[in-house]
Amino acid sequence: MSISCEEFIVDKQGNKTAVLLDIESYAKLLEAWEELESIRAYDSTKASNDEAIPFSQAMEEIKARRK
């Protein structure tokens, strides 16, 4: 991902405190972050060695716990 233009907000001492992004760069950043979170969740699930169950069974178990 390439950011074409960076703008910063600075405090009185000139320290960068925030960044302004164009909406396209922001959307790409969010998309990349969400993809990374999905990968981390997958990796965590695979590492847990828990038994896989069908989605429909998982939904039934969730519904039963809510009662």
N, C-alpha and C. Protein backbone atom coordinates (compact mmCIF):
# COMPACT_ATOMS: atom_id res chain seq x y z
N MET A 1 0.86 -1.18 0.00
CA MET A 1 0.00 0.00 0.00
C MET A 1 0.89 1.23 0.00
N SER A 2 0.60 2.12 -0.85
CA SER A 2 1.37 3.35 -0.96
C SER A 2 0.48 4.53 -0.61
N ILE A 3 0.98 5.37 0.27
CA ILE A 3 0.22 6.58 0.65
C ILE A 3 0.82 7.74 -0.12
N SER A 4 -0.03 8.39 -0.90
CA SER A 4 0.47 9.42 -1.80
C SER A 4 0.82 10.72 -1.08
N CYS A 5 0.09 11.03 -0.04
CA CYS A 5 0.32 12.31 0.62
C CYS A 5 0.06 12.15 2.12
N GLU A 6 1.01 12.55 2.91
CA GLU A 6 0.85 12.47 4.36
C GLU A 6 0.75 13.88 4.93
N GLU A 7 -0.18 14.06 5.82
CA GLU A 7 -0.29 15.32 6.54
C GLU A 7 -0.37 14.99 8.02
N PHE A 8 0.33 15.76 8.82
CA PHE A 8 0.37 15.50 10.24
C PHE A 8 -0.19 16.67 11.04
N ILE A 9 -0.74 16.34 12.19
CA ILE A 9 -1.13 17.33 13.18
C ILE A 9 0.01 17.35 14.20
N VAL A 10 0.46 18.53 14.56
CA VAL A 10 1.55 18.64 15.53
C VAL A 10 1.11 19.46 16.73
N ASP A 11 1.75 19.21 17.87
CA ASP A 11 1.46 19.99 19.06
C ASP A 11 2.33 21.25 19.07
N LYS A 12 2.26 22.02 20.13
CA LYS A 12 3.00 23.29 20.21
C LYS A 12 4.51 23.10 20.12
N GLN A 13 4.98 21.91 20.52
CA GLN A 13 6.42 21.64 20.47
C GLN A 13 6.86 21.06 19.13
N GLY A 14 5.91 20.88 18.22
CA GLY A 14 6.23 20.34 16.91
C GLY A 14 6.23 18.82 16.84
N ASN A 15 5.77 18.16 17.91
CA ASN A 15 5.68 16.70 17.92
C ASN A 15 4.45 16.25 17.14
N LYS A 16 4.63 15.26 16.28
CA LYS A 16 3.50 14.73 15.52
C LYS A 16 2.56 14.01 16.49
N THR A 17 1.28 14.37 16.43
CA THR A 17 0.29 13.78 17.32
C THR A 17 -0.82 13.04 16.59
N ALA A 18 -0.96 13.27 15.31
CA ALA A 18 -1.99 12.62 14.51
C ALA A 18 -1.60 12.70 13.04
N VAL A 19 -2.27 11.89 12.25
CA VAL A 19 -2.03 11.89 10.81
C VAL A 19 -3.36 12.00 10.08
N LEU A 20 -3.36 12.72 8.99
CA LEU A 20 -4.54 12.84 8.13
C LEU A 20 -4.30 11.99 6.89
N LEU A 21 -5.29 11.16 6.57
CA LEU A 21 -5.20 10.31 5.38
C LEU A 21 -6.36 10.62 4.45
N ASP A 22 -6.11 10.48 3.15
CA ASP A 22 -7.23 10.60 2.23
C ASP A 22 -8.09 9.35 2.41
N ILE A 23 -9.35 9.43 2.05
CA ILE A 23 -10.31 8.37 2.32
C ILE A 23 -9.91 7.06 1.64
N GLU A 24 -9.33 7.11 0.46
CA GLU A 24 -8.90 5.90 -0.24
C GLU A 24 -7.79 5.18 0.53
N SER A 25 -6.82 5.93 1.01
CA SER A 25 -5.74 5.32 1.80
C SER A 25 -6.29 4.75 3.09
N TYR A 26 -7.21 5.45 3.72
CA TYR A 26 -7.83 4.98 4.95
C TYR A 26 -8.57 3.67 4.72
N ALA A 27 -9.34 3.59 3.63
CA ALA A 27 -10.10 2.38 3.31
C ALA A 27 -9.15 1.20 3.05
N LYS A 28 -8.06 1.45 2.35
CA LYS A 28 -7.08 0.39 2.09
C LYS A 28 -6.42 -0.07 3.38
N LEU A 29 -6.14 0.86 4.26
CA LEU A 29 -5.53 0.52 5.53
C LEU A 29 -6.47 -0.34 6.37
N LEU A 30 -7.75 0.03 6.42
CA LEU A 30 -8.73 -0.77 7.16
C LEU A 30 -8.86 -2.17 6.57
N GLU A 31 -8.90 -2.26 5.25
CA GLU A 31 -9.02 -3.55 4.59
C GLU A 31 -7.82 -4.44 4.93
N ALA A 32 -6.63 -3.88 4.89
CA ALA A 32 -5.43 -4.65 5.20
C ALA A 32 -5.44 -5.08 6.66
N TRP A 33 -5.89 -4.22 7.56
CA TRP A 33 -5.96 -4.54 8.98
C TRP A 33 -6.96 -5.68 9.22
N GLU A 34 -8.12 -5.61 8.58
CA GLU A 34 -9.13 -6.65 8.74
C GLU A 34 -8.62 -7.99 8.21
N GLU A 35 -7.90 -7.95 7.10
CA GLU A 35 -7.33 -9.18 6.55
C GLU A 35 -6.30 -9.77 7.51
N LEU A 36 -5.47 -8.92 8.08
CA LEU A 36 -4.47 -9.38 9.03
C LEU A 36 -5.14 -10.00 10.26
N GLU A 37 -6.21 -9.38 10.76
CA GLU A 37 -6.93 -9.93 11.90
C GLU A 37 -7.52 -11.30 11.58
N SER A 38 -8.03 -11.47 10.36
CA SER A 38 -8.57 -12.76 9.95
C SER A 38 -7.47 -13.82 9.92
N ILE A 39 -6.32 -13.45 9.42
CA ILE A 39 -5.18 -14.38 9.37
C ILE A 39 -4.75 -14.75 10.78
N ARG A 40 -4.68 -13.78 11.68
CA ARG A 40 -4.30 -14.07 13.06
C ARG A 40 -5.32 -14.98 13.74
N ALA A 41 -6.61 -14.75 13.50
CA ALA A 41 -7.65 -15.59 14.08
C ALA A 41 -7.53 -17.02 13.55
N TYR A 42 -7.29 -17.15 12.25
CA TYR A 42 -7.11 -18.48 11.64
C TYR A 42 -5.90 -19.18 12.26
N ASP A 43 -4.78 -18.48 12.34
CA ASP A 43 -3.56 -19.07 12.90
C ASP A 43 -3.79 -19.50 14.35
N SER A 44 -4.48 -18.68 15.11
CA SER A 44 -4.76 -18.99 16.51
C SER A 44 -5.64 -20.23 16.63
N THR A 45 -6.64 -20.32 15.77
CA THR A 45 -7.53 -21.47 15.77
C THR A 45 -6.79 -22.74 15.40
N LYS A 46 -5.96 -22.67 14.36
CA LYS A 46 -5.18 -23.84 13.94
C LYS A 46 -4.23 -24.29 15.05
N ALA A 47 -3.63 -23.35 15.77
CA ALA A 47 -2.66 -23.67 16.81
C ALA A 47 -3.33 -24.28 18.05
N SER A 48 -4.63 -24.05 18.22
CA SER A 48 -5.31 -24.53 19.42
C SER A 48 -5.56 -26.04 19.39
N ASN A 49 -5.49 -26.65 18.21
CA ASN A 49 -5.73 -28.08 18.05
C ASN A 49 -7.10 -28.52 18.52
N ASP A 50 -8.06 -27.59 18.58
CA ASP A 50 -9.43 -27.95 18.93
C ASP A 50 -10.05 -28.73 17.77
N GLU A 51 -11.00 -29.58 18.13
CA GLU A 51 -11.69 -30.36 17.10
C GLU A 51 -12.61 -29.45 16.30
N ALA A 52 -12.57 -29.58 14.99
CA ALA A 52 -13.45 -28.79 14.12
C ALA A 52 -14.86 -29.39 14.16
N ILE A 53 -15.86 -28.50 14.18
CA ILE A 53 -17.25 -28.96 14.14
C ILE A 53 -17.96 -28.21 13.02
N PRO A 54 -19.02 -28.79 12.47
CA PRO A 54 -19.76 -28.10 11.42
C PRO A 54 -20.36 -26.79 11.92
N PHE A 55 -20.47 -25.82 11.02
CA PHE A 55 -21.01 -24.51 11.36
C PHE A 55 -22.40 -24.62 11.97
N SER A 56 -23.25 -25.47 11.39
CA SER A 56 -24.62 -25.61 11.89
C SER A 56 -24.62 -26.11 13.33
N GLN A 57 -23.72 -27.01 13.67
CA GLN A 57 -23.62 -27.51 15.04
C GLN A 57 -23.16 -26.39 15.97
N ALA A 58 -22.19 -25.60 15.53
CA ALA A 58 -21.71 -24.49 16.34
C ALA A 58 -22.84 -23.50 16.62
N MET A 59 -23.64 -23.20 15.61
CA MET A 59 -24.76 -22.27 15.79
C MET A 59 -25.77 -22.83 16.79
N GLU A 60 -26.06 -24.11 16.72
CA GLU A 60 -26.99 -24.73 17.66
C GLU A 60 -26.46 -24.65 19.09
N GLU A 61 -25.17 -24.87 19.27
CA GLU A 61 -24.57 -24.78 20.60
C GLU A 61 -24.63 -23.35 21.13
N ILE A 62 -24.39 -22.38 20.28
CA ILE A 62 -24.46 -20.97 20.70
C ILE A 62 -25.89 -20.62 21.11
N LYS A 63 -26.86 -21.05 20.32
CA LYS A 63 -28.28 -20.78 20.64
C LYS A 63 -28.66 -21.42 21.96
N ALA A 64 -28.20 -22.65 22.21
CA ALA A 64 -28.53 -23.36 23.44
C ALA A 64 -27.95 -22.64 24.66
N ARG A 65 -26.77 -22.06 24.53
CA ARG A 65 -26.13 -21.35 25.65
C ARG A 65 -26.87 -20.06 25.99
N ARG A 66 -27.53 -19.46 25.01
CA ARG A 66 -28.23 -18.19 25.23
C ARG A 66 -29.53 -18.36 25.99
N LYS A 67 -30.05 -19.57 26.05
CA LYS A 67 -31.34 -19.82 26.71
C LYS A 67 -31.22 -19.83 28.19
